[in-house]
Amino acid sequence: MSAPEIATVVGKPLGAVKALQHRALVNLTKALGGPYPGVPEGRLEGREETID
């Protein structure tokens, strides 16, 4: 599904869906121990991202 389709289904603004997707990718990348594209090494250390 595309981000606009997801926004429609869950009843949230498109920007909120994109932000949630970004947070999910950051959390997954941290969990797998890999670098996040476009973010300097160590920038995500100590940051706890949660999805409500």
C-alpha atoms as a PDB file:
ATOM      1  CA  MET A   1       0.000   0.000   0.000  1.00  0.00           C
ATOM      2  CA  SER A   2       1.107   3.546  -0.614  1.00  0.00           C
ATOM      3  CA  ALA A   3       1.399   6.114   2.169  1.00  0.00           C
ATOM      4  CA  PRO A   4      -1.715   8.006   0.970  1.00  0.00           C
ATOM      5  CA  GLU A   5      -3.719   4.764   0.946  1.00  0.00           C
ATOM      6  CA  ILE A   6      -2.578   3.912   4.464  1.00  0.00           C
ATOM      7  CA  ALA A   7      -3.473   7.424   5.662  1.00  0.00           C
ATOM      8  CA  THR A   8      -6.984   7.008   4.280  1.00  0.00           C
ATOM      9  CA  VAL A   9      -7.477   3.566   5.832  1.00  0.00           C
ATOM     10  CA  VAL A  10      -6.215   4.525   9.306  1.00  0.00           C
ATOM     11  CA  GLY A  11      -7.787   7.989   9.253  1.00  0.00           C
ATOM     12  CA  LYS A  12      -4.548   9.911   9.876  1.00  0.00           C
ATOM     13  CA  PRO A  13      -2.944  12.753   7.934  1.00  0.00           C
ATOM     14  CA  LEU A  14      -0.399  11.758   5.300  1.00  0.00           C
ATOM     15  CA  GLY A  15       2.389  13.530   7.187  1.00  0.00           C
ATOM     16  CA  ALA A  16       1.656  11.483  10.311  1.00  0.00           C
ATOM     17  CA  VAL A  17       1.821   8.242   8.338  1.00  0.00           C
ATOM     18  CA  LYS A  18       5.152   9.247   6.803  1.00  0.00           C
ATOM     19  CA  ALA A  19       6.536  10.155  10.234  1.00  0.00           C
ATOM     20  CA  LEU A  20       5.408   6.807  11.666  1.00  0.00           C
ATOM     21  CA  GLN A  21       7.008   4.962   8.755  1.00  0.00           C
ATOM     22  CA  HIS A  22      10.259   6.860   9.308  1.00  0.00           C
ATOM     23  CA  ARG A  23      10.269   6.052  13.029  1.00  0.00           C
ATOM     24  CA  ALA A  24       9.606   2.399  12.251  1.00  0.00           C
ATOM     25  CA  LEU A  25      12.578   2.296   9.850  1.00  0.00           C
ATOM     26  CA  VAL A  26      14.835   3.966  12.439  1.00  0.00           C
ATOM     27  CA  ASN A  27      13.778   1.451  15.104  1.00  0.00           C
ATOM     28  CA  LEU A  28      14.232  -1.509  12.770  1.00  0.00           C
ATOM     29  CA  THR A  29      17.644  -0.284  11.661  1.00  0.00           C
ATOM     30  CA  LYS A  30      18.732   0.159  15.291  1.00  0.00           C
ATOM     31  CA  ALA A  31      17.391  -3.287  16.210  1.00  0.00           C
ATOM     32  CA  LEU A  32      19.333  -4.890  13.363  1.00  0.00           C
ATOM     33  CA  GLY A  33      22.471  -2.909  14.215  1.00  0.00           C
ATOM     34  CA  GLY A  34      22.886  -1.386  10.792  1.00  0.00           C
ATOM     35  CA  PRO A  35      23.598   2.168   9.680  1.00  0.00           C
ATOM     36  CA  TYR A  36      20.651   4.346   8.742  1.00  0.00           C
ATOM     37  CA  PRO A  37      21.079   5.941   5.286  1.00  0.00           C
ATOM     38  CA  GLY A  38      21.662   9.686   5.440  1.00  0.00           C
ATOM     39  CA  VAL A  39      22.184   9.810   9.215  1.00  0.00           C
ATOM     40  CA  PRO A  40      25.727  10.240  10.567  1.00  0.00           C
ATOM     41  CA  GLU A  41      27.057   7.276  12.571  1.00  0.00           C
ATOM     42  CA  GLY A  42      26.199   7.591  16.265  1.00  0.00           C
ATOM     43  CA  ARG A  43      23.426  10.151  15.756  1.00  0.00           C
ATOM     44  CA  LEU A  44      20.716   7.648  16.717  1.00  0.00           C
ATOM     45  CA  GLU A  45      22.541   6.361  19.796  1.00  0.00           C
ATOM     46  CA  GLY A  46      20.505   6.748  22.949  1.00  0.00           C
ATOM     47  CA  ARG A  47      17.361   7.848  21.134  1.00  0.00           C
ATOM     48  CA  GLU A  48      14.318   5.849  21.987  1.00  0.00           C
ATOM     49  CA  GLU A  49      11.613   6.103  19.365  1.00  0.00           C
ATOM     50  CA  THR A  50       8.178   4.824  20.234  1.00  0.00           C
ATOM     51  CA  ILE A  51       5.065   4.441  18.178  1.00  0.00           C
ATOM     52  CA  ASP A  52       1.848   5.059  20.059  1.00  0.00           C
END
